[in-house]
Amino acid sequence: MNDQTPKRLGGSLVERAVAHQALIQRQAAQQPAPAPSAPAPLPRHDIPPFGAVEAPRAPLVRPEPVAPVDPVAQPAAARRRIAIDRKKLADHGMLVPGAVITALAEEFRLVKRQLLTTARQIRADGGAGADDRSRMILVCSAKPNDGKTFCAINLALSLAAEKDVEILLVDADFAKPDVLARLGAPDGPGLLDVLSGGVKNVEDCIIDTDVPQLSVLPAGTRSVADTELLASARAAAILDGLAAANPRRIVIFDSPPILAASPASALASHVGQVMLVVRADRTRESELRDAVGLLDGCEHIQLLLNSVSIQPNGRRFGSYGAYYGEPDQ
């Protein structure tokens, strides 16, 4: 064998493995280096994978703003309740709830029928606030001691016997409040305290009685500015609100004598009608004319003649005795 004879391929298994590994390394050295790849983004848990259905998210619930509390608009607290002294009423010659029908009871039945008829007329005439105004009545007199508180209480007791109304008797005689005393009940905070701002809600001052459908509002703490308080815008809202708060409510104001104190004139502009008590044995015609002139804030003024002398043979309720004896319902 000479040097020109080609060498046989192959060799041992180890030699061939080494030669193959060297060939791979030469080929890898001849290939261009691959571009560096961008790093894989980190997984985001708030983005669903493509094609997946995302569950609906709950809406963001924001707390509702809390409105400031208006103390004037709050409901009335539990009211006081009093028992009217029926013996005291009888001792003063006044109507007694549940007692037999008397001549006085019949007379006030006629009085209230006329007032209720006028109230219907005011509503029929219409106008702003006609319904509420028709249910507000002012009871006053020209001078002191003409019997206006006597008539106001008896009118309230008579009206309370009606089936479809509720009666609120307001003691507006601020200089000489007497309604609670005549009913035999203790006084308390009242209208003047509300007008001055000492009490926020007028309904909190109203006192219920043991007479069905009758409640009272005391005069309240005395003030030297009672007329000015009654003439204020706050008073207009409060007084008008007494009737507006309850469509069944009839409000009766017992006011001071018109020729002795000015609050009656201020109250007249808030009511639908005035019942002017005239004492038969002492009120002069000139005083009556002056009183009517000061009440010109109200269009409907009616006169009630009080303390009329009855002749032995004169006509008066009570002559038909057979009709009396049943309790006043």
C-alpha atoms as a PDB file:
ATOM      1  CA  MET A   1       0.000   0.000   0.000  1.00  0.00           C
ATOM      2  CA  ASN A   2       1.448   3.367  -1.027  1.00  0.00           C
ATOM      3  CA  ASP A   3       0.716   6.981   0.160  1.00  0.00           C
ATOM      4  CA  GLN A   4      -1.720   7.683  -2.777  1.00  0.00           C
ATOM      5  CA  THR A   5      -4.342   5.275  -1.591  1.00  0.00           C
ATOM      6  CA  PRO A   6      -7.216   7.175   0.045  1.00  0.00           C
ATOM      7  CA  LYS A   7      -7.698   6.692   3.693  1.00  0.00           C
ATOM      8  CA  ARG A   8     -10.707   4.655   4.669  1.00  0.00           C
ATOM      9  CA  LEU A   9     -13.493   6.729   6.242  1.00  0.00           C
ATOM     10  CA  GLY A  10     -14.613   5.708   9.571  1.00  0.00           C
ATOM     11  CA  GLY A  11     -12.414   4.968  12.379  1.00  0.00           C
ATOM     12  CA  SER A  12     -13.454   4.124  15.809  1.00  0.00           C
ATOM     13  CA  LEU A  13     -16.806   5.190  17.261  1.00  0.00           C
ATOM     14  CA  VAL A  14     -15.105   7.748  19.495  1.00  0.00           C
ATOM     15  CA  GLU A  15     -13.218   9.294  16.591  1.00  0.00           C
ATOM     16  CA  ARG A  16     -16.412   9.658  14.538  1.00  0.00           C
ATOM     17  CA  ALA A  17     -18.281  11.309  17.467  1.00  0.00           C
ATOM     18  CA  VAL A  18     -15.474  13.807  17.933  1.00  0.00           C
ATOM     19  CA  ALA A  19     -15.418  14.612  14.227  1.00  0.00           C
ATOM     20  CA  HIS A  20     -19.221  15.132  14.163  1.00  0.00           C
ATOM     21  CA  GLN A  21     -19.111  17.480  17.117  1.00  0.00           C
ATOM     22  CA  ALA A  22     -16.369  19.512  15.447  1.00  0.00           C
ATOM     23  CA  LEU A  23     -18.446  19.797  12.275  1.00  0.00           C
ATOM     24  CA  ILE A  24     -21.457  21.154  14.235  1.00  0.00           C
ATOM     25  CA  GLN A  25     -19.297  23.758  15.914  1.00  0.00           C
ATOM     26  CA  ARG A  26     -17.854  24.956  12.553  1.00  0.00           C
ATOM     27  CA  GLN A  27     -21.389  25.322  11.084  1.00  0.00           C
ATOM     28  CA  ALA A  28     -22.628  27.199  14.130  1.00  0.00           C
ATOM     29  CA  ALA A  29     -19.701  29.589  13.876  1.00  0.00           C
ATOM     30  CA  GLN A  30     -20.608  30.365  10.237  1.00  0.00           C
ATOM     31  CA  GLN A  31     -24.365  31.254  11.109  1.00  0.00           C
ATOM     32  CA  PRO A  32     -25.264  34.954  11.907  1.00  0.00           C
ATOM     33  CA  ALA A  33     -26.024  35.641  15.554  1.00  0.00           C
ATOM     34  CA  PRO A  34     -29.808  35.867  16.214  1.00  0.00           C
ATOM     35  CA  ALA A  35     -31.245  39.252  17.272  1.00  0.00           C
ATOM     36  CA  PRO A  36     -31.845  39.510  20.952  1.00  0.00           C
ATOM     37  CA  SER A  37     -35.486  38.874  21.781  1.00  0.00           C
ATOM     38  CA  ALA A  38     -37.582  41.282  23.853  1.00  0.00           C
ATOM     39  CA  PRO A  39     -38.261  40.151  27.368  1.00  0.00           C
ATOM     40  CA  ALA A  40     -41.679  38.507  27.822  1.00  0.00           C
ATOM     41  CA  PRO A  41     -44.208  40.871  29.443  1.00  0.00           C
ATOM     42  CA  LEU A  42     -45.290  40.103  32.905  1.00  0.00           C
ATOM     43  CA  PRO A  43     -48.809  38.642  33.118  1.00  0.00           C
ATOM     44  CA  ARG A  44     -51.594  41.124  33.922  1.00  0.00           C
ATOM     45  CA  HIS A  45     -54.310  39.721  36.084  1.00  0.00           C
ATOM     46  CA  ASP A  46     -56.833  42.483  35.336  1.00  0.00           C
ATOM     47  CA  ILE A  47     -56.873  41.837  31.538  1.00  0.00           C
ATOM     48  CA  PRO A  48     -58.648  38.656  30.447  1.00  0.00           C
ATOM     49  CA  PRO A  49     -56.948  36.519  27.746  1.00  0.00           C
ATOM     50  CA  PHE A  50     -58.097  36.990  24.168  1.00  0.00           C
ATOM     51  CA  GLY A  51     -61.361  35.229  23.531  1.00  0.00           C
ATOM     52  CA  ALA A  52     -62.241  34.906  27.192  1.00  0.00           C
ATOM     53  CA  VAL A  53     -65.520  36.347  28.543  1.00  0.00           C
ATOM     54  CA  GLU A  54     -64.968  38.908  31.257  1.00  0.00           C
ATOM     55  CA  ALA A  55     -67.330  38.688  34.206  1.00  0.00           C
ATOM     56  CA  PRO A  56     -69.380  41.871  34.754  1.00  0.00           C
ATOM     57  CA  ARG A  57     -68.024  44.121  37.426  1.00  0.00           C
ATOM     58  CA  ALA A  58     -70.192  45.347  40.316  1.00  0.00           C
ATOM     59  CA  PRO A  59     -71.056  49.043  39.947  1.00  0.00           C
ATOM     60  CA  LEU A  60     -69.324  51.464  42.223  1.00  0.00           C
ATOM     61  CA  VAL A  61     -71.772  52.412  44.986  1.00  0.00           C
ATOM     62  CA  ARG A  62     -71.347  55.926  46.300  1.00  0.00           C
ATOM     63  CA  PRO A  63     -72.930  56.857  49.646  1.00  0.00           C
ATOM     64  CA  GLU A  64     -75.999  59.077  49.323  1.00  0.00           C
ATOM     65  CA  PRO A  65     -75.491  62.595  50.683  1.00  0.00           C
ATOM     66  CA  VAL A  66     -77.293  63.188  53.963  1.00  0.00           C
ATOM     67  CA  ALA A  67     -79.582  66.232  53.868  1.00  0.00           C
ATOM     68  CA  PRO A  68     -79.298  68.635  56.787  1.00  0.00           C
ATOM     69  CA  VAL A  69     -82.062  68.273  59.360  1.00  0.00           C
ATOM     70  CA  ASP A  70     -84.585  71.110  59.472  1.00  0.00           C
ATOM     71  CA  PRO A  71     -85.905  71.270  63.035  1.00  0.00           C
ATOM     72  CA  VAL A  72     -89.010  73.208  61.950  1.00  0.00           C
ATOM     73  CA  ALA A  73     -90.093  70.434  59.604  1.00  0.00           C
ATOM     74  CA  GLN A  74     -89.715  67.634  62.161  1.00  0.00           C
ATOM     75  CA  PRO A  75     -92.884  65.794  63.249  1.00  0.00           C
ATOM     76  CA  ALA A  76     -94.454  66.839  66.497  1.00  0.00           C
ATOM     77  CA  ALA A  77     -93.357  65.065  69.649  1.00  0.00           C
ATOM     78  CA  ALA A  78     -95.829  63.183  71.807  1.00  0.00           C
ATOM     79  CA  ARG A  79     -98.389  65.778  72.869  1.00  0.00           C
ATOM     80  CA  ARG A  80     -99.508  66.636  76.345  1.00  0.00           C
ATOM     81  CA  ARG A  81    -103.033  65.592  77.182  1.00  0.00           C
ATOM     82  CA  ILE A  82    -105.255  67.286  79.733  1.00  0.00           C
ATOM     83  CA  ALA A  83    -108.639  66.585  81.270  1.00  0.00           C
ATOM     84  CA  ILE A  84    -111.035  69.525  81.091  1.00  0.00           C
ATOM     85  CA  ASP A  85    -112.616  70.448  84.422  1.00  0.00           C
ATOM     86  CA  ARG A  86    -116.299  70.033  83.613  1.00  0.00           C
ATOM     87  CA  LYS A  87    -117.413  71.203  87.038  1.00  0.00           C
ATOM     88  CA  LYS A  88    -115.527  74.447  86.540  1.00  0.00           C
ATOM     89  CA  LEU A  89    -117.232  74.922  83.171  1.00  0.00           C
ATOM     90  CA  ALA A  90    -120.638  74.382  84.743  1.00  0.00           C
ATOM     91  CA  ASP A  91    -119.865  76.774  87.621  1.00  0.00           C
ATOM     92  CA  HIS A  92    -119.083  79.503  85.061  1.00  0.00           C
ATOM     93  CA  GLY A  93    -122.279  78.865  83.088  1.00  0.00           C
ATOM     94  CA  MET A  94    -120.481  77.411  80.071  1.00  0.00           C
ATOM     95  CA  LEU A  95    -121.234  74.422  77.857  1.00  0.00           C
ATOM     96  CA  VAL A  96    -120.348  71.066  79.396  1.00  0.00           C
ATOM     97  CA  PRO A  97    -119.346  68.301  76.956  1.00  0.00           C
ATOM     98  CA  GLY A  98    -121.666  65.323  77.181  1.00  0.00           C
ATOM     99  CA  ALA A  99    -124.258  67.151  79.307  1.00  0.00           C
ATOM    100  CA  VAL A 100    -127.889  67.640  78.400  1.00  0.00           C
ATOM    101  CA  ILE A 101    -128.792  70.102  75.659  1.00  0.00           C
ATOM    102  CA  THR A 102    -129.436  73.551  77.102  1.00  0.00           C
ATOM    103  CA  ALA A 103    -130.652  76.859  75.703  1.00  0.00           C
ATOM    104  CA  LEU A 104    -127.035  78.034  75.557  1.00  0.00           C
ATOM    105  CA  ALA A 105    -126.089  74.932  73.563  1.00  0.00           C
ATOM    106  CA  GLU A 106    -128.812  75.661  71.023  1.00  0.00           C
ATOM    107  CA  GLU A 107    -127.738  79.287  70.724  1.00  0.00           C
ATOM    108  CA  PHE A 108    -124.171  78.275  69.901  1.00  0.00           C
ATOM    109  CA  ARG A 109    -125.477  75.693  67.464  1.00  0.00           C
ATOM    110  CA  LEU A 110    -127.019  78.586  65.533  1.00  0.00           C
ATOM    111  CA  VAL A 111    -123.818  80.610  65.808  1.00  0.00           C
ATOM    112  CA  LYS A 112    -121.602  77.827  64.474  1.00  0.00           C
ATOM    113  CA  ARG A 113    -124.017  77.058  61.627  1.00  0.00           C
ATOM    114  CA  GLN A 114    -123.668  80.635  60.400  1.00  0.00           C
ATOM    115  CA  LEU A 115    -119.868  80.488  60.677  1.00  0.00           C
ATOM    116  CA  LEU A 116    -119.711  77.174  58.805  1.00  0.00           C
ATOM    117  CA  THR A 117    -121.955  78.604  56.078  1.00  0.00           C
ATOM    118  CA  THR A 118    -119.642  81.593  55.694  1.00  0.00           C
ATOM    119  CA  ALA A 119    -116.654  79.229  55.526  1.00  0.00           C
ATOM    120  CA  ARG A 120    -118.251  77.404  52.586  1.00  0.00           C
ATOM    121  CA  GLN A 121    -118.854  80.749  50.877  1.00  0.00           C
ATOM    122  CA  ILE A 122    -115.176  81.711  51.297  1.00  0.00           C
ATOM    123  CA  ARG A 123    -114.099  78.413  49.735  1.00  0.00           C
ATOM    124  CA  ALA A 124    -116.566  78.863  46.868  1.00  0.00           C
ATOM    125  CA  ASP A 125    -115.211  82.351  46.146  1.00  0.00           C
ATOM    126  CA  GLY A 126    -111.775  80.777  45.704  1.00  0.00           C
ATOM    127  CA  GLY A 127    -108.517  82.671  45.618  1.00  0.00           C
ATOM    128  CA  ALA A 128    -105.083  81.906  47.025  1.00  0.00           C
ATOM    129  CA  GLY A 129    -105.329  79.874  50.232  1.00  0.00           C
ATOM    130  CA  ALA A 130    -109.123  80.138  50.344  1.00  0.00           C
ATOM    131  CA  ASP A 131    -109.592  76.659  51.814  1.00  0.00           C
ATOM    132  CA  ASP A 132    -107.154  77.168  54.683  1.00  0.00           C
ATOM    133  CA  ARG A 133    -108.315  80.720  55.366  1.00  0.00           C
ATOM    134  CA  SER A 134    -111.963  79.624  55.520  1.00  0.00           C
ATOM    135  CA  ARG A 135    -111.102  77.408  58.498  1.00  0.00           C
ATOM    136  CA  MET A 136    -109.582  80.193  60.610  1.00  0.00           C
ATOM    137  CA  ILE A 137    -111.857  82.264  62.871  1.00  0.00           C
ATOM    138  CA  LEU A 138    -110.911  85.217  65.070  1.00  0.00           C
ATOM    139  CA  VAL A 139    -113.025  85.883  68.190  1.00  0.00           C
ATOM    140  CA  CYS A 140    -112.576  89.330  69.700  1.00  0.00           C
ATOM    141  CA  SER A 141    -114.472  92.224  71.219  1.00  0.00           C
ATOM    142  CA  ALA A 142    -114.250  95.992  71.264  1.00  0.00           C
ATOM    143  CA  LYS A 143    -113.338  96.321  74.949  1.00  0.00           C
ATOM    144  CA  PRO A 144    -112.415  94.071  77.871  1.00  0.00           C
ATOM    145  CA  ASN A 145    -115.085  92.159  79.803  1.00  0.00           C
ATOM    146  CA  ASP A 146    -117.420  91.866  76.819  1.00  0.00           C
ATOM    147  CA  GLY A 147    -117.372  88.051  77.045  1.00  0.00           C
ATOM    148  CA  LYS A 148    -115.158  87.164  74.070  1.00  0.00           C
ATOM    149  CA  THR A 149    -113.240  84.354  75.882  1.00  0.00           C
ATOM    150  CA  PHE A 150    -116.529  82.921  77.172  1.00  0.00           C
ATOM    151  CA  CYS A 151    -117.832  82.878  73.593  1.00  0.00           C
ATOM    152  CA  ALA A 152    -114.613  81.507  72.108  1.00  0.00           C
ATOM    153  CA  ILE A 153    -114.546  78.509  74.459  1.00  0.00           C
ATOM    154  CA  ASN A 154    -118.239  77.766  73.992  1.00  0.00           C
ATOM    155  CA  LEU A 155    -117.877  78.039  70.224  1.00  0.00           C
ATOM    156  CA  ALA A 156    -114.938  75.603  70.294  1.00  0.00           C
ATOM    157  CA  LEU A 157    -116.875  73.121  72.448  1.00  0.00           C
ATOM    158  CA  SER A 158    -119.902  73.344  70.170  1.00  0.00           C
ATOM    159  CA  LEU A 159    -117.863  72.918  66.981  1.00  0.00           C
ATOM    160  CA  ALA A 160    -116.026  69.930  68.506  1.00  0.00           C
ATOM    161  CA  ALA A 161    -119.362  68.083  68.496  1.00  0.00           C
ATOM    162  CA  GLU A 162    -119.381  68.178  64.678  1.00  0.00           C
ATOM    163  CA  LYS A 163    -118.541  64.858  63.012  1.00  0.00           C
ATOM    164  CA  ASP A 164    -116.089  65.914  60.308  1.00  0.00           C
ATOM    165  CA  VAL A 165    -113.840  68.509  61.935  1.00  0.00           C
ATOM    166  CA  GLU A 166    -111.108  68.925  64.526  1.00  0.00           C
ATOM    167  CA  ILE A 167    -110.961  72.100  66.588  1.00  0.00           C
ATOM    168  CA  LEU A 168    -107.832  73.969  67.680  1.00  0.00           C
ATOM    169  CA  LEU A 169    -108.520  76.751  70.191  1.00  0.00           C
ATOM    170  CA  VAL A 170    -105.618  79.226  70.285  1.00  0.00           C
ATOM    171  CA  ASP A 171    -105.182  81.565  73.240  1.00  0.00           C
ATOM    172  CA  ALA A 172    -103.927  84.683  71.455  1.00  0.00           C
ATOM    173  CA  ASP A 173    -104.826  87.111  74.256  1.00  0.00           C
ATOM    174  CA  PHE A 174    -101.163  87.537  75.143  1.00  0.00           C
ATOM    175  CA  ALA A 175    -101.664  90.259  77.749  1.00  0.00           C
ATOM    176  CA  LYS A 176    -104.329  88.292  79.640  1.00  0.00           C
ATOM    177  CA  PRO A 177    -104.254  84.595  78.656  1.00  0.00           C
ATOM    178  CA  ASP A 178    -107.229  82.885  80.271  1.00  0.00           C
ATOM    179  CA  VAL A 179    -108.273  79.917  78.118  1.00  0.00           C
ATOM    180  CA  LEU A 180    -106.279  77.220  79.951  1.00  0.00           C
ATOM    181  CA  ALA A 181    -107.327  78.574  83.357  1.00  0.00           C
ATOM    182  CA  ARG A 182    -111.007  78.462  82.431  1.00  0.00           C
ATOM    183  CA  LEU A 183    -110.646  74.887  81.242  1.00  0.00           C
ATOM    184  CA  GLY A 184    -109.015  73.985  84.555  1.00  0.00           C
ATOM    185  CA  ALA A 185    -105.695  73.022  82.947  1.00  0.00           C
ATOM    186  CA  PRO A 186    -102.075  74.118  83.563  1.00  0.00           C
ATOM    187  CA  ASP A 187    -100.426  76.488  81.110  1.00  0.00           C
ATOM    188  CA  GLY A 188     -97.306  75.755  79.077  1.00  0.00           C
ATOM    189  CA  PRO A 189     -95.187  76.851  76.093  1.00  0.00           C
ATOM    190  CA  GLY A 190     -97.294  78.299  73.314  1.00  0.00           C
ATOM    191  CA  LEU A 191     -97.676  80.518  70.293  1.00  0.00           C
ATOM    192  CA  LEU A 192     -95.374  83.342  71.411  1.00  0.00           C
ATOM    193  CA  ASP A 193     -92.560  80.865  72.101  1.00  0.00           C
ATOM    194  CA  VAL A 194     -92.832  79.614  68.512  1.00  0.00           C
ATOM    195  CA  LEU A 195     -93.023  83.115  67.020  1.00  0.00           C
ATOM    196  CA  SER A 196     -89.913  84.191  68.926  1.00  0.00           C
ATOM    197  CA  GLY A 197     -87.985  81.081  67.883  1.00  0.00           C
ATOM    198  CA  GLY A 198     -87.782  79.541  71.355  1.00  0.00           C
ATOM    199  CA  VAL A 199     -89.738  76.511  70.111  1.00  0.00           C
ATOM    200  CA  LYS A 200     -89.142  75.236  66.593  1.00  0.00           C
ATOM    201  CA  ASN A 201     -92.365  73.353  65.863  1.00  0.00           C
ATOM    202  CA  VAL A 202     -95.743  74.828  66.759  1.00  0.00           C
ATOM    203  CA  GLU A 203     -97.327  71.368  66.784  1.00  0.00           C
ATOM    204  CA  ASP A 204     -95.166  70.510  69.814  1.00  0.00           C
ATOM    205  CA  CYS A 205     -97.022  73.156  71.852  1.00  0.00           C
ATOM    206  CA  ILE A 206    -100.535  71.934  71.050  1.00  0.00           C
ATOM    207  CA  ILE A 207    -102.284  70.207  73.965  1.00  0.00           C
ATOM    208  CA  ASP A 208    -104.898  67.512  73.366  1.00  0.00           C
ATOM    209  CA  THR A 209    -107.922  67.322  75.647  1.00  0.00           C
ATOM    210  CA  ASP A 210    -110.234  64.558  76.788  1.00  0.00           C
ATOM    211  CA  VAL A 211    -112.966  66.128  74.658  1.00  0.00           C
ATOM    212  CA  PRO A 212    -112.857  64.322  71.308  1.00  0.00           C
ATOM    213  CA  GLN A 213    -111.661  66.519  68.422  1.00  0.00           C
ATOM    214  CA  LEU A 214    -110.672  69.455  70.659  1.00  0.00           C
ATOM    215  CA  SER A 215    -107.125  70.671  71.314  1.00  0.00           C
ATOM    216  CA  VAL A 216    -105.706  73.947  72.607  1.00  0.00           C
ATOM    217  CA  LEU A 217    -102.608  76.066  71.954  1.00  0.00           C
ATOM    218  CA  PRO A 218    -101.487  78.237  74.916  1.00  0.00           C
ATOM    219  CA  ALA A 219    -100.421  81.851  74.518  1.00  0.00           C
ATOM    220  CA  GLY A 220     -96.852  81.141  75.629  1.00  0.00           C
ATOM    221  CA  THR A 221     -94.224  83.299  77.287  1.00  0.00           C
ATOM    222  CA  ARG A 222     -95.238  86.942  77.376  1.00  0.00           C
ATOM    223  CA  SER A 223     -93.308  89.347  75.142  1.00  0.00           C
ATOM    224  CA  VAL A 224     -93.259  93.123  74.749  1.00  0.00           C
ATOM    225  CA  ALA A 225     -93.065  92.606  70.959  1.00  0.00           C
ATOM    226  CA  ASP A 226     -96.181  90.447  70.489  1.00  0.00           C
ATOM    227  CA  THR A 227     -97.675  92.590  67.708  1.00  0.00           C
ATOM    228  CA  GLU A 228     -94.367  92.833  65.867  1.00  0.00           C
ATOM    229  CA  LEU A 229     -93.956  89.057  66.099  1.00  0.00           C
ATOM    230  CA  LEU A 230     -97.461  88.552  64.684  1.00  0.00           C
ATOM    231  CA  ALA A 231     -96.675  90.884  61.781  1.00  0.00           C
ATOM    232  CA  SER A 232     -93.481  89.020  60.805  1.00  0.00           C
ATOM    233  CA  ALA A 233     -93.017  86.701  57.839  1.00  0.00           C
ATOM    234  CA  ARG A 234     -92.342  83.834  60.250  1.00  0.00           C
ATOM    235  CA  ALA A 235     -95.737  84.416  61.884  1.00  0.00           C
ATOM    236  CA  ALA A 236     -97.484  84.281  58.501  1.00  0.00           C
ATOM    237  CA  ALA A 237     -95.947  80.878  57.769  1.00  0.00           C
ATOM    238  CA  ILE A 238     -96.734  79.521  61.237  1.00  0.00           C
ATOM    239  CA  LEU A 239    -100.324  80.786  61.435  1.00  0.00           C
ATOM    240  CA  ASP A 240    -101.180  79.689  57.910  1.00  0.00           C
ATOM    241  CA  GLY A 241     -99.536  76.353  58.656  1.00  0.00           C
ATOM    242  CA  LEU A 242    -101.913  75.683  61.554  1.00  0.00           C
ATOM    243  CA  ALA A 243    -104.770  75.171  59.098  1.00  0.00           C
ATOM    244  CA  ALA A 244    -102.660  73.709  56.285  1.00  0.00           C
ATOM    245  CA  ALA A 245    -101.291  70.971  58.570  1.00  0.00           C
ATOM    246  CA  ASN A 246    -104.714  69.324  58.871  1.00  0.00           C
ATOM    247  CA  PRO A 247    -107.513  69.759  56.297  1.00  0.00           C
ATOM    248  CA  ARG A 248    -110.092  68.859  58.980  1.00  0.00           C
ATOM    249  CA  ARG A 249    -108.844  71.464  61.436  1.00  0.00           C
ATOM    250  CA  ILE A 250    -110.775  74.631  62.305  1.00  0.00           C
ATOM    251  CA  VAL A 251    -108.610  77.170  64.152  1.00  0.00           C
ATOM    252  CA  ILE A 252    -110.272  79.557  66.616  1.00  0.00           C
ATOM    253  CA  PHE A 253    -108.200  82.489  67.922  1.00  0.00           C
ATOM    254  CA  ASP A 254    -109.223  84.131  71.198  1.00  0.00           C
ATOM    255  CA  SER A 255    -107.581  87.544  70.778  1.00  0.00           C
ATOM    256  CA  PRO A 256    -107.302  90.654  72.958  1.00  0.00           C
ATOM    257  CA  PRO A 257    -110.005  93.342  72.727  1.00  0.00           C
ATOM    258  CA  ILE A 258    -109.396  95.293  69.540  1.00  0.00           C
ATOM    259  CA  LEU A 259    -109.645  98.731  71.194  1.00  0.00           C
ATOM    260  CA  ALA A 260    -107.335  97.721  74.063  1.00  0.00           C
ATOM    261  CA  ALA A 261    -104.480  95.926  72.275  1.00  0.00           C
ATOM    262  CA  SER A 262    -103.134  95.710  68.737  1.00  0.00           C
ATOM    263  CA  PRO A 263    -102.586  91.938  68.209  1.00  0.00           C
ATOM    264  CA  ALA A 264    -106.221  91.462  67.117  1.00  0.00           C
ATOM    265  CA  SER A 265    -105.699  93.778  64.156  1.00  0.00           C
ATOM    266  CA  ALA A 266    -102.586  91.831  63.097  1.00  0.00           C
ATOM    267  CA  LEU A 267    -104.398  88.499  63.442  1.00  0.00           C
ATOM    268  CA  ALA A 268    -107.358  89.710  61.367  1.00  0.00           C
ATOM    269  CA  SER A 269    -105.265  89.633  58.198  1.00  0.00           C
ATOM    270  CA  HIS A 270    -104.653  85.878  58.613  1.00  0.00           C
ATOM    271  CA  VAL A 271    -108.204  84.620  59.204  1.00  0.00           C
ATOM    272  CA  GLY A 272    -111.191  84.077  56.951  1.00  0.00           C
ATOM    273  CA  GLN A 273    -113.776  85.591  59.283  1.00  0.00           C
ATOM    274  CA  VAL A 274    -114.114  87.496  62.534  1.00  0.00           C
ATOM    275  CA  MET A 275    -116.735  86.954  65.220  1.00  0.00           C
ATOM    276  CA  LEU A 276    -116.949  90.302  67.024  1.00  0.00           C
ATOM    277  CA  VAL A 277    -118.599  89.939  70.451  1.00  0.00           C
ATOM    278  CA  VAL A 278    -120.784  92.897  71.359  1.00  0.00           C
ATOM    279  CA  ARG A 279    -122.054  93.240  74.903  1.00  0.00           C
ATOM    280  CA  ALA A 280    -125.635  94.399  74.783  1.00  0.00           C
ATOM    281  CA  ASP A 281    -125.584  96.462  77.961  1.00  0.00           C
ATOM    282  CA  ARG A 282    -122.297  98.346  77.516  1.00  0.00           C
ATOM    283  CA  THR A 283    -120.802  98.467  73.981  1.00  0.00           C
ATOM    284  CA  ARG A 284    -121.411 101.845  72.355  1.00  0.00           C
ATOM    285  CA  GLU A 285    -122.113 102.221  68.664  1.00  0.00           C
ATOM    286  CA  SER A 286    -119.042 104.438  68.207  1.00  0.00           C
ATOM    287  CA  GLU A 287    -116.852 101.766  69.829  1.00  0.00           C
ATOM    288  CA  LEU A 288    -118.335  99.137  67.566  1.00  0.00           C
ATOM    289  CA  ARG A 289    -117.613 101.210  64.464  1.00  0.00           C
ATOM    290  CA  ASP A 290    -114.038 101.818  65.605  1.00  0.00           C
ATOM    291  CA  ALA A 291    -113.567  98.103  66.245  1.00  0.00           C
ATOM    292  CA  VAL A 292    -114.841  97.144  62.793  1.00  0.00           C
ATOM    293  CA  GLY A 293    -112.556  99.718  61.217  1.00  0.00           C
ATOM    294  CA  LEU A 294    -109.503  98.199  62.913  1.00  0.00           C
ATOM    295  CA  LEU A 295    -110.468  94.725  61.686  1.00  0.00           C
ATOM    296  CA  ASP A 296    -110.491  95.736  58.020  1.00  0.00           C
ATOM    297  CA  GLY A 297    -107.826  93.133  57.285  1.00  0.00           C
ATOM    298  CA  CYS A 298    -110.655  90.571  57.224  1.00  0.00           C
ATOM    299  CA  GLU A 299    -113.530  90.802  54.769  1.00  0.00           C
ATOM    300  CA  HIS A 300    -116.099  88.760  56.717  1.00  0.00           C
ATOM    301  CA  ILE A 301    -116.997  90.257  60.118  1.00  0.00           C
ATOM    302  CA  GLN A 302    -120.029  88.974  62.018  1.00  0.00           C
ATOM    303  CA  LEU A 303    -121.456  90.328  65.245  1.00  0.00           C
ATOM    304  CA  LEU A 304    -122.454  88.204  68.233  1.00  0.00           C
ATOM    305  CA  LEU A 305    -124.721  89.950  70.730  1.00  0.00           C
ATOM    306  CA  ASN A 306    -123.818  88.849  74.229  1.00  0.00           C
ATOM    307  CA  SER A 307    -125.468  89.323  77.636  1.00  0.00           C
ATOM    308  CA  VAL A 308    -128.941  90.026  76.295  1.00  0.00           C
ATOM    309  CA  SER A 309    -131.573  90.714  78.963  1.00  0.00           C
ATOM    310  CA  ILE A 310    -134.447  88.244  78.595  1.00  0.00           C
ATOM    311  CA  GLN A 311    -137.958  89.401  79.403  1.00  0.00           C
ATOM    312  CA  PRO A 312    -140.120  86.903  81.308  1.00  0.00           C
ATOM    313  CA  ASN A 313    -142.511  86.555  78.382  1.00  0.00           C
ATOM    314  CA  GLY A 314    -139.880  87.016  75.677  1.00  0.00           C
ATOM    315  CA  ARG A 315    -138.956  84.374  73.100  1.00  0.00           C
ATOM    316  CA  ARG A 316    -135.811  82.399  73.873  1.00  0.00           C
ATOM    317  CA  PHE A 317    -134.481  78.930  73.318  1.00  0.00           C
ATOM    318  CA  GLY A 318    -135.593  76.666  76.150  1.00  0.00           C
ATOM    319  CA  SER A 319    -139.321  77.241  75.902  1.00  0.00           C
ATOM    320  CA  TYR A 320    -139.681  73.818  74.260  1.00  0.00           C
ATOM    321  CA  GLY A 321    -138.531  71.872  77.292  1.00  0.00           C
ATOM    322  CA  ALA A 322    -139.473  68.505  75.800  1.00  0.00           C
ATOM    323  CA  TYR A 323    -136.655  68.847  73.282  1.00  0.00           C
ATOM    324  CA  TYR A 324    -133.951  69.044  75.947  1.00  0.00           C
ATOM    325  CA  GLY A 325    -132.551  66.303  78.113  1.00  0.00           C
ATOM    326  CA  GLU A 326    -130.406  64.296  75.689  1.00  0.00           C
ATOM    327  CA  PRO A 327    -126.599  64.533  75.777  1.00  0.00           C
ATOM    328  CA  ASP A 328    -125.046  66.806  73.163  1.00  0.00           C
ATOM    329  CA  GLN A 329    -123.425  64.544  70.588  1.00  0.00           C
END
